[in-house]
Amino acid sequence: MENKTARLTVLVDPVKKKAFENLCASQDLTPSQVIRQLMREYMERNGVEYSTKTKVGGLKK
């Protein structure tokens, strides 16, 4: 998992937000967990490479 975090503010209508929160809760997930997974999948589908691991002594952890 990532060592640092950054805030992402997204505006959505309140009805969709509540439905999303309820769905996440029913699956024992937080909305943040689901959004992070959606972001990873979207970047992977679009060929975006990124690293969340820190380098120590020139080697990835």
N, C-alpha and C. Protein backbone atom coordinates (compact mmCIF):
# COMPACT_ATOMS: atom_id res chain seq x y z
N MET A 1 0.83 -1.18 0.00
CA MET A 1 0.00 0.00 0.00
C MET A 1 0.88 1.24 0.00
N GLU A 2 0.34 2.34 -0.44
CA GLU A 2 1.06 3.59 -0.53
C GLU A 2 1.48 4.07 0.85
N ASN A 3 2.64 4.72 0.90
CA ASN A 3 3.14 5.26 2.17
C ASN A 3 2.56 6.63 2.47
N LYS A 4 2.33 7.42 1.46
CA LYS A 4 1.79 8.76 1.63
C LYS A 4 0.43 8.84 0.97
N THR A 5 -0.36 9.79 1.40
CA THR A 5 -1.67 9.97 0.80
C THR A 5 -1.85 11.42 0.37
N ALA A 6 -2.73 11.64 -0.57
CA ALA A 6 -3.11 12.97 -1.02
C ALA A 6 -4.62 13.00 -1.12
N ARG A 7 -5.18 14.14 -0.86
CA ARG A 7 -6.63 14.28 -0.88
C ARG A 7 -7.10 14.56 -2.31
N LEU A 8 -8.19 13.91 -2.69
CA LEU A 8 -8.85 14.13 -3.98
C LEU A 8 -10.29 14.51 -3.69
N THR A 9 -10.69 15.69 -4.08
CA THR A 9 -12.05 16.15 -3.83
C THR A 9 -12.87 15.95 -5.11
N VAL A 10 -13.98 15.27 -4.97
CA VAL A 10 -14.85 14.98 -6.10
C VAL A 10 -16.26 15.42 -5.76
N LEU A 11 -16.89 16.14 -6.66
CA LEU A 11 -18.26 16.58 -6.44
C LEU A 11 -19.22 15.61 -7.12
N VAL A 12 -20.16 15.08 -6.34
CA VAL A 12 -21.18 14.17 -6.86
C VAL A 12 -22.51 14.57 -6.24
N ASP A 13 -23.58 14.15 -6.89
CA ASP A 13 -24.87 14.51 -6.31
C ASP A 13 -25.13 13.67 -5.06
N PRO A 14 -25.83 14.22 -4.09
CA PRO A 14 -26.02 13.56 -2.80
C PRO A 14 -26.70 12.19 -2.88
N VAL A 15 -27.59 12.00 -3.82
CA VAL A 15 -28.29 10.72 -3.93
C VAL A 15 -27.31 9.63 -4.35
N LYS A 16 -26.46 9.91 -5.35
CA LYS A 16 -25.46 8.94 -5.78
C LYS A 16 -24.45 8.67 -4.68
N LYS A 17 -24.06 9.71 -3.97
CA LYS A 17 -23.09 9.56 -2.89
C LYS A 17 -23.63 8.61 -1.82
N LYS A 18 -24.84 8.81 -1.41
CA LYS A 18 -25.44 7.96 -0.37
C LYS A 18 -25.57 6.52 -0.86
N ALA A 19 -26.01 6.33 -2.10
CA ALA A 19 -26.14 4.98 -2.65
C ALA A 19 -24.77 4.30 -2.72
N PHE A 20 -23.75 5.04 -3.11
CA PHE A 20 -22.38 4.50 -3.18
C PHE A 20 -21.89 4.13 -1.79
N GLU A 21 -22.10 5.00 -0.82
CA GLU A 21 -21.69 4.71 0.56
C GLU A 21 -22.40 3.48 1.11
N ASN A 22 -23.69 3.35 0.82
CA ASN A 22 -24.45 2.18 1.28
C ASN A 22 -23.93 0.89 0.64
N LEU A 23 -23.64 0.95 -0.66
CA LEU A 23 -23.11 -0.22 -1.35
C LEU A 23 -21.75 -0.61 -0.77
N CYS A 24 -20.89 0.36 -0.58
CA CYS A 24 -19.57 0.09 0.01
C CYS A 24 -19.73 -0.56 1.38
N ALA A 25 -20.58 0.00 2.22
CA ALA A 25 -20.79 -0.53 3.56
C ALA A 25 -21.32 -1.96 3.51
N SER A 26 -22.20 -2.25 2.56
CA SER A 26 -22.76 -3.60 2.45
C SER A 26 -21.70 -4.62 2.06
N GLN A 27 -20.60 -4.14 1.47
CA GLN A 27 -19.50 -5.03 1.07
C GLN A 27 -18.32 -4.93 2.03
N ASP A 28 -18.55 -4.27 3.19
CA ASP A 28 -17.52 -4.09 4.22
C ASP A 28 -16.27 -3.41 3.66
N LEU A 29 -16.49 -2.41 2.80
CA LEU A 29 -15.41 -1.62 2.22
C LEU A 29 -15.68 -0.15 2.50
N THR A 30 -14.61 0.64 2.54
CA THR A 30 -14.81 2.07 2.63
C THR A 30 -14.89 2.65 1.23
N PRO A 31 -15.55 3.79 1.08
CA PRO A 31 -15.56 4.44 -0.24
C PRO A 31 -14.14 4.71 -0.76
N SER A 32 -13.22 5.07 0.11
CA SER A 32 -11.84 5.32 -0.31
C SER A 32 -11.20 4.07 -0.89
N GLN A 33 -11.44 2.92 -0.27
CA GLN A 33 -10.88 1.67 -0.80
C GLN A 33 -11.39 1.40 -2.21
N VAL A 34 -12.67 1.60 -2.40
CA VAL A 34 -13.27 1.33 -3.71
C VAL A 34 -12.75 2.31 -4.75
N ILE A 35 -12.67 3.58 -4.41
CA ILE A 35 -12.16 4.59 -5.35
C ILE A 35 -10.72 4.29 -5.73
N ARG A 36 -9.88 3.92 -4.75
CA ARG A 36 -8.49 3.58 -5.06
C ARG A 36 -8.42 2.39 -6.02
N GLN A 37 -9.27 1.38 -5.80
CA GLN A 37 -9.29 0.22 -6.69
C GLN A 37 -9.75 0.63 -8.10
N LEU A 38 -10.78 1.45 -8.18
CA LEU A 38 -11.26 1.92 -9.48
C LEU A 38 -10.17 2.70 -10.21
N MET A 39 -9.42 3.52 -9.48
CA MET A 39 -8.33 4.28 -10.10
C MET A 39 -7.25 3.35 -10.64
N ARG A 40 -6.86 2.34 -9.83
CA ARG A 40 -5.84 1.39 -10.30
C ARG A 40 -6.29 0.68 -11.56
N GLU A 41 -7.54 0.20 -11.56
CA GLU A 41 -8.06 -0.51 -12.73
C GLU A 41 -8.13 0.39 -13.95
N TYR A 42 -8.56 1.63 -13.78
CA TYR A 42 -8.67 2.58 -14.90
C TYR A 42 -7.29 2.88 -15.49
N MET A 43 -6.31 3.11 -14.63
CA MET A 43 -4.96 3.38 -15.13
C MET A 43 -4.38 2.17 -15.83
N GLU A 44 -4.61 0.98 -15.28
CA GLU A 44 -4.12 -0.24 -15.91
C GLU A 44 -4.73 -0.42 -17.30
N ARG A 45 -6.04 -0.22 -17.42
CA ARG A 45 -6.72 -0.36 -18.72
C ARG A 45 -6.19 0.63 -19.74
N ASN A 46 -5.71 1.77 -19.28
CA ASN A 46 -5.24 2.81 -20.19
C ASN A 46 -3.72 2.88 -20.28
N GLY A 47 -3.06 1.84 -19.80
CA GLY A 47 -1.62 1.71 -19.97
C GLY A 47 -0.78 2.69 -19.18
N VAL A 48 -1.32 3.19 -18.08
CA VAL A 48 -0.56 4.13 -17.25
C VAL A 48 0.20 3.34 -16.19
N GLU A 49 1.52 3.48 -16.21
CA GLU A 49 2.35 2.80 -15.21
C GLU A 49 2.70 3.79 -14.11
N TYR A 50 2.74 3.28 -12.91
CA TYR A 50 3.08 4.11 -11.76
C TYR A 50 3.67 3.21 -10.70
N SER A 51 4.37 3.79 -9.77
CA SER A 51 4.96 3.02 -8.69
C SER A 51 4.53 3.61 -7.36
N THR A 52 4.13 2.78 -6.44
CA THR A 52 3.78 3.24 -5.10
C THR A 52 4.83 2.79 -4.09
N LYS A 53 5.83 2.09 -4.56
CA LYS A 53 6.89 1.62 -3.69
C LYS A 53 8.00 2.67 -3.63
N THR A 54 8.60 2.82 -2.47
CA THR A 54 9.72 3.75 -2.34
C THR A 54 11.01 3.01 -2.65
N LYS A 55 11.96 3.74 -3.16
CA LYS A 55 13.26 3.15 -3.48
C LYS A 55 14.20 3.31 -2.29
N VAL A 56 14.88 2.23 -1.93
CA VAL A 56 15.85 2.26 -0.85
C VAL A 56 17.17 1.75 -1.43
N GLY A 57 18.16 2.61 -1.41
CA GLY A 57 19.47 2.20 -1.95
C GLY A 57 19.41 1.83 -3.41
N GLY A 58 18.52 2.47 -4.16
CA GLY A 58 18.41 2.21 -5.58
C GLY A 58 17.55 1.00 -5.93
N LEU A 59 17.09 0.28 -4.91
CA LEU A 59 16.24 -0.89 -5.16
C LEU A 59 14.83 -0.60 -4.68
N LYS A 60 13.87 -1.14 -5.40
CA LYS A 60 12.48 -0.99 -4.97
C LYS A 60 12.24 -1.89 -3.77
N LYS A 61 11.47 -1.39 -2.84
CA LYS A 61 11.07 -2.18 -1.68
C LYS A 61 10.14 -3.29 -2.10
